[in-house]
Amino acid sequence: MLLLPYSKNPSRILRGAMKTLEEIQKERPYLKEQLDLYRKLQGLRSLSFSTEGYIPMEKGFYPPDTLVYVITEVSKILGIEIERLNWVKDMITSGNIDFRRLPIGDIQLKHNEYSQEELDVILYFISKPFFLHEKQKLSLDGIYWDEGKCPVCNSVPSVSIIGREEKRRFYCSYCETVGYWKRIGCPSCLTEVPEDITIVMLDAEEGIRADLCERCKNYYKSFNSSMLNEYTEEMLDLISLPLDIIVQQKGYHRSSPNPLGMKRLL
């Protein structure tokens, strides 16, 4: 798997009174490499370009100049020469890569230099700014997810928040849209049978669990809503990486990537 380098150093993660990355790293030194990488990736969130006048995620939504700008920034993060990523721009502008197919796992590429997992990470990073722009245009935060999928990009979520409300709140790792779905069930195969869901928790990690679907073998992680006082949804996903490893060792898989662009952690 590629390991990636970067710049920009926000001292706080998105929300004012959150724990800093430095504080989290002291609490969880075993996550130093992942947290260092996450810090570097935050620049993707602040990339500034205009998509005014474009239909979200249509072919024309990727103007060549904007693609070059985004790919150049991603090449810095990955430590890859820009020339080695020009093929991505060519494939997008020719219609051979449609980012809308990425969240549903419908992009399979072969490349002499990169494994499929490395290609998935590269495409996740390049697509991320475009998904964030699409979210801004569509403004669908807070609505009910009729089919258990993100209404912006159709991603099946791997992170959820459990509060006192009847429904569960899900978070999309592609476009960061947040919305509601059923409190018990699997957003991947849509089963609502309680017996289909197995709960796994880590010792000494209160408020963190994984909901495993015995029908389709997908899982998503669930966090107590009180944890949002100290962590963002993305950070909750990262600090619970040990849970991903344990669950994946049992043969379950996540449908959408974590903030580092990875679905498989083994």
Protein backbone atom coordinates (compact mmCIF):
# COMPACT_ATOMS: atom_id res chain seq x y z
CA MET A 1 0.00 0.00 0.00
CA LEU A 2 1.25 3.51 -0.77
CA LEU A 3 2.29 5.62 2.11
CA LEU A 4 1.85 9.27 1.50
CA PRO A 5 3.75 12.60 2.65
CA TYR A 6 2.24 16.64 2.78
CA SER A 7 1.89 20.28 3.97
CA LYS A 8 -0.73 22.43 5.79
CA ASN A 9 -1.06 21.98 9.51
CA PRO A 10 -4.45 22.80 10.96
CA SER A 11 -4.15 22.73 14.75
CA ARG A 12 -7.80 21.78 15.24
CA ILE A 13 -9.94 19.29 13.34
CA LEU A 14 -12.90 21.09 11.82
CA ARG A 15 -14.77 22.02 15.02
CA GLY A 16 -13.65 24.48 17.67
CA ALA A 17 -13.32 22.52 20.94
CA MET A 18 -12.23 19.25 19.37
CA LYS A 19 -9.21 17.35 20.51
CA THR A 20 -6.15 18.23 18.47
CA LEU A 21 -4.38 15.68 16.35
CA GLU A 22 -1.41 16.05 18.69
CA GLU A 23 -3.57 15.19 21.71
CA ILE A 24 -5.03 12.16 19.98
CA GLN A 25 -1.58 11.00 18.93
CA LYS A 26 -0.39 11.15 22.54
CA GLU A 27 -3.41 9.11 23.63
CA ARG A 28 -2.97 6.59 20.81
CA PRO A 29 0.72 6.46 19.82
CA TYR A 30 0.11 3.30 17.79
CA LEU A 31 -1.81 5.49 15.28
CA LYS A 32 1.04 7.96 14.69
CA GLU A 33 1.61 6.99 11.05
CA GLN A 34 -2.10 7.15 10.20
CA LEU A 35 -2.64 10.45 12.02
CA ASP A 36 0.41 12.01 10.35
CA LEU A 37 -1.02 11.01 6.99
CA TYR A 38 -4.48 12.32 7.89
CA ARG A 39 -2.98 15.69 8.79
CA LYS A 40 -1.36 15.91 5.39
CA LEU A 41 -4.57 15.03 3.60
CA GLN A 42 -6.54 17.94 5.05
CA GLY A 43 -5.37 20.18 2.23
CA LEU A 44 -7.74 18.37 -0.14
CA ARG A 45 -10.66 19.79 1.79
CA SER A 46 -9.53 23.38 1.21
CA LEU A 47 -8.72 23.19 -2.52
CA SER A 48 -10.36 26.19 -4.15
CA PHE A 49 -11.81 25.96 -7.66
CA SER A 50 -15.08 26.89 -9.29
CA THR A 51 -17.67 24.43 -10.60
CA GLU A 52 -20.23 27.15 -11.23
CA GLY A 53 -22.37 26.40 -14.28
CA TYR A 54 -21.50 22.71 -14.34
CA ILE A 55 -23.89 19.84 -13.67
CA PRO A 56 -22.43 17.98 -10.67
CA MET A 57 -20.29 14.98 -11.61
CA GLU A 58 -21.22 15.09 -15.30
CA LYS A 59 -18.32 14.75 -17.73
CA GLY A 60 -18.08 18.51 -18.14
CA PHE A 61 -17.81 18.87 -14.36
CA TYR A 62 -14.09 18.10 -14.71
CA PRO A 63 -12.57 21.02 -16.66
CA PRO A 64 -9.00 20.06 -17.73
CA ASP A 65 -7.41 22.98 -15.86
CA THR A 66 -9.23 22.03 -12.66
CA LEU A 67 -8.24 18.38 -13.05
CA VAL A 68 -4.59 19.33 -13.50
CA TYR A 69 -4.79 21.50 -10.37
CA VAL A 70 -6.34 18.75 -8.24
CA ILE A 71 -4.08 16.00 -9.58
CA THR A 72 -1.01 18.17 -8.99
CA GLU A 73 -1.97 18.63 -5.34
CA VAL A 74 -2.65 14.91 -4.95
CA SER A 75 0.72 14.10 -6.51
CA LYS A 76 2.36 16.18 -3.78
CA ILE A 77 0.47 14.27 -1.10
CA LEU A 78 1.36 10.90 -2.57
CA GLY A 79 4.92 11.86 -3.37
CA ILE A 80 4.35 10.84 -7.00
CA GLU A 81 5.66 12.81 -9.96
CA ILE A 82 2.79 14.56 -11.71
CA GLU A 83 3.77 12.90 -15.01
CA ARG A 84 2.96 9.52 -13.47
CA LEU A 85 -0.64 10.64 -12.81
CA ASN A 86 -1.40 12.31 -16.13
CA TRP A 87 -3.09 9.10 -17.29
CA VAL A 88 -5.84 9.79 -14.72
CA LYS A 89 -6.63 13.15 -16.32
CA ASP A 90 -6.66 11.60 -19.78
CA MET A 91 -9.00 8.79 -18.70
CA ILE A 92 -11.41 11.18 -16.96
CA THR A 93 -11.62 13.65 -19.83
CA SER A 94 -12.10 10.79 -22.33
CA GLY A 95 -14.96 9.39 -20.23
CA ASN A 96 -13.16 6.19 -19.20
CA ILE A 97 -13.32 7.13 -15.51
CA ASP A 98 -16.62 8.34 -14.10
CA PHE A 99 -16.24 9.29 -10.44
CA ARG A 100 -19.94 8.62 -9.89
CA ARG A 101 -19.12 4.93 -10.31
CA LEU A 102 -16.45 5.01 -7.59
CA PRO A 103 -18.72 4.83 -4.50
CA ILE A 104 -20.57 1.82 -5.88
CA GLY A 105 -17.32 -0.04 -6.61
CA ASP A 106 -17.81 0.03 -10.36
CA ILE A 107 -14.36 1.26 -11.44
CA GLN A 108 -11.84 -1.49 -12.09
CA LEU A 109 -8.56 -0.35 -13.59
CA LYS A 110 -5.30 -2.09 -14.41
CA HIS A 111 -1.99 -0.25 -14.33
CA ASN A 112 1.56 -1.50 -14.60
CA GLU A 113 2.80 0.64 -11.72
CA TYR A 114 0.00 0.35 -9.14
CA SER A 115 -2.00 -2.38 -7.46
CA GLN A 116 -5.80 -2.18 -7.42
CA GLU A 117 -5.70 -0.96 -3.81
CA GLU A 118 -3.22 1.78 -4.70
CA LEU A 119 -5.38 2.82 -7.65
CA ASP A 120 -8.41 3.00 -5.35
CA VAL A 121 -6.51 5.30 -2.97
CA ILE A 122 -5.35 7.54 -5.84
CA LEU A 123 -8.87 7.85 -7.26
CA TYR A 124 -10.34 8.48 -3.81
CA PHE A 125 -7.98 11.41 -3.22
CA ILE A 126 -8.51 12.91 -6.67
CA SER A 127 -12.28 12.54 -6.50
CA LYS A 128 -12.64 13.87 -2.94
CA PRO A 129 -12.62 17.63 -3.82
CA PHE A 130 -15.20 17.02 -6.55
CA PHE A 131 -17.49 15.07 -4.23
CA LEU A 132 -17.24 17.88 -1.67
CA HIS A 133 -18.21 20.41 -4.33
CA GLU A 134 -21.12 18.23 -5.40
CA LYS A 135 -22.32 18.07 -1.80
CA GLN A 136 -22.24 21.87 -1.59
CA LYS A 137 -24.30 22.17 -4.76
CA LEU A 138 -26.95 19.64 -3.76
CA SER A 139 -27.21 20.47 -0.01
CA LEU A 140 -28.84 17.21 1.12
CA ASP A 141 -27.55 17.04 4.70
CA GLY A 142 -30.00 15.86 7.35
CA ILE A 143 -32.55 14.08 5.17
CA TYR A 144 -33.66 10.43 5.46
CA TRP A 145 -31.67 8.01 3.29
CA ASP A 146 -34.49 6.01 1.66
CA GLU A 147 -32.30 3.18 0.40
CA GLY A 148 -29.61 3.31 3.08
CA LYS A 149 -27.25 5.06 0.65
CA CYS A 150 -25.88 8.59 0.53
CA PRO A 151 -28.34 10.68 -1.56
CA VAL A 152 -25.48 12.66 -3.09
CA CYS A 153 -23.10 9.95 -4.30
CA ASN A 154 -24.88 6.61 -3.62
CA SER A 155 -22.15 5.39 -1.29
CA VAL A 156 -23.07 2.72 1.26
CA PRO A 157 -21.84 4.18 4.57
CA SER A 158 -19.37 2.58 6.96
CA VAL A 159 -19.75 5.07 9.83
CA SER A 160 -22.83 5.80 11.92
CA ILE A 161 -23.72 7.82 15.00
CA ILE A 162 -26.18 6.56 17.61
CA GLY A 163 -28.05 9.09 19.73
CA ARG A 164 -31.25 8.99 21.70
CA GLU A 165 -33.32 9.64 18.61
CA GLU A 166 -35.15 6.75 17.02
CA LYS A 167 -33.11 6.71 13.82
CA ARG A 168 -29.38 6.28 13.30
CA ARG A 169 -27.31 9.03 11.67
CA PHE A 170 -24.93 7.91 8.91
CA TYR A 171 -21.84 9.66 7.52
CA CYS A 172 -20.59 9.39 3.92
CA SER A 173 -16.80 9.18 3.60
CA TYR A 174 -16.81 10.36 -0.03
CA CYS A 175 -18.78 13.61 0.14
CA GLU A 176 -19.24 13.93 3.95
CA THR A 177 -23.01 14.12 3.70
CA VAL A 178 -24.83 13.19 6.92
CA GLY A 179 -28.32 11.71 7.02
CA TYR A 180 -30.65 9.29 8.79
CA TRP A 181 -31.58 5.68 8.25
CA LYS A 182 -33.03 2.88 10.36
CA ARG A 183 -31.64 2.30 13.82
CA ILE A 184 -31.39 -1.48 13.27
CA GLY A 185 -30.48 -2.95 9.91
CA CYS A 186 -27.85 -3.13 7.18
CA PRO A 187 -27.63 -0.28 4.64
CA SER A 188 -25.83 -2.59 2.22
CA CYS A 189 -28.40 -5.41 1.79
CA LEU A 190 -31.24 -3.52 3.54
CA THR A 191 -32.12 -6.31 5.94
CA GLU A 192 -34.08 -5.09 8.96
CA VAL A 193 -34.07 -8.41 10.79
CA PRO A 194 -32.37 -7.88 14.18
CA GLU A 195 -31.07 -11.45 14.17
CA ASP A 196 -29.07 -10.67 11.01
CA ILE A 197 -26.94 -8.13 12.90
CA THR A 198 -24.13 -9.10 15.27
CA ILE A 199 -22.58 -6.47 17.55
CA VAL A 200 -18.82 -6.46 18.26
CA MET A 201 -17.19 -4.10 20.77
CA LEU A 202 -13.60 -3.51 21.85
CA ASP A 203 -12.58 -3.77 25.49
CA ALA A 204 -11.84 -0.37 27.06
CA GLU A 205 -13.40 1.49 24.10
CA GLU A 206 -16.71 2.68 25.42
CA GLY A 207 -19.08 4.10 22.84
CA ILE A 208 -17.48 2.29 19.87
CA ARG A 209 -18.84 -0.83 18.21
CA ALA A 210 -19.21 -2.58 14.87
CA ASP A 211 -22.53 -3.80 13.46
CA LEU A 212 -21.88 -6.93 11.38
CA CYS A 213 -24.40 -8.15 8.84
CA GLU A 214 -24.57 -11.93 8.76
CA ARG A 215 -26.53 -11.83 5.53
CA CYS A 216 -24.15 -9.88 3.25
CA LYS A 217 -20.98 -9.83 5.43
CA ASN A 218 -20.72 -6.04 5.30
CA TYR A 219 -20.20 -4.04 8.48
CA TYR A 220 -20.35 -0.48 9.65
CA LYS A 221 -19.01 1.13 12.79
CA SER A 222 -21.25 2.86 15.31
CA PHE A 223 -20.29 5.60 17.76
CA ASN A 224 -22.12 7.17 20.66
CA SER A 225 -23.22 10.70 19.72
CA SER A 226 -21.50 12.11 22.82
CA MET A 227 -18.15 11.33 21.21
CA LEU A 228 -18.79 14.09 18.67
CA ASN A 229 -17.94 16.54 21.44
CA GLU A 230 -14.28 15.54 21.04
CA TYR A 231 -13.96 13.92 17.61
CA THR A 232 -15.26 14.40 14.10
CA GLU A 233 -16.82 11.49 12.25
CA GLU A 234 -13.62 11.08 10.26
CA MET A 235 -11.50 11.01 13.40
CA LEU A 236 -13.81 8.46 15.01
CA ASP A 237 -13.28 6.28 11.96
CA LEU A 238 -9.51 6.58 12.38
CA ILE A 239 -9.24 5.99 16.12
CA SER A 240 -11.28 2.80 15.71
CA LEU A 241 -8.94 1.24 13.12
CA PRO A 242 -8.15 -1.67 15.48
CA LEU A 243 -11.84 -2.59 15.35
CA ASP A 244 -11.70 -2.67 11.53
CA ILE A 245 -8.79 -5.09 11.67
CA ILE A 246 -10.53 -7.42 14.15
CA VAL A 247 -13.77 -7.46 12.17
CA GLN A 248 -12.05 -7.94 8.81
CA GLN A 249 -10.10 -10.85 10.25
CA LYS A 250 -13.51 -12.44 10.89
CA GLY A 251 -14.36 -12.17 7.17
CA TYR A 252 -16.46 -8.98 7.11
CA HIS A 253 -15.79 -5.99 4.87
CA ARG A 254 -16.61 -2.31 4.78
CA SER A 255 -18.40 -0.74 1.80
CA SER A 256 -16.76 2.68 1.78
CA PRO A 257 -13.19 3.80 2.48
CA ASN A 258 -11.85 5.38 5.64
CA PRO A 259 -10.39 8.92 5.56
CA LEU A 260 -7.11 7.47 4.26
CA GLY A 261 -8.88 5.99 1.24
CA MET A 262 -8.68 2.38 2.43
CA LYS A 263 -11.40 -0.24 2.70
CA ARG A 264 -9.18 -3.22 3.51
CA LEU A 265 -6.80 -2.90 6.43
CA LEU A 266 -5.30 -6.39 6.58
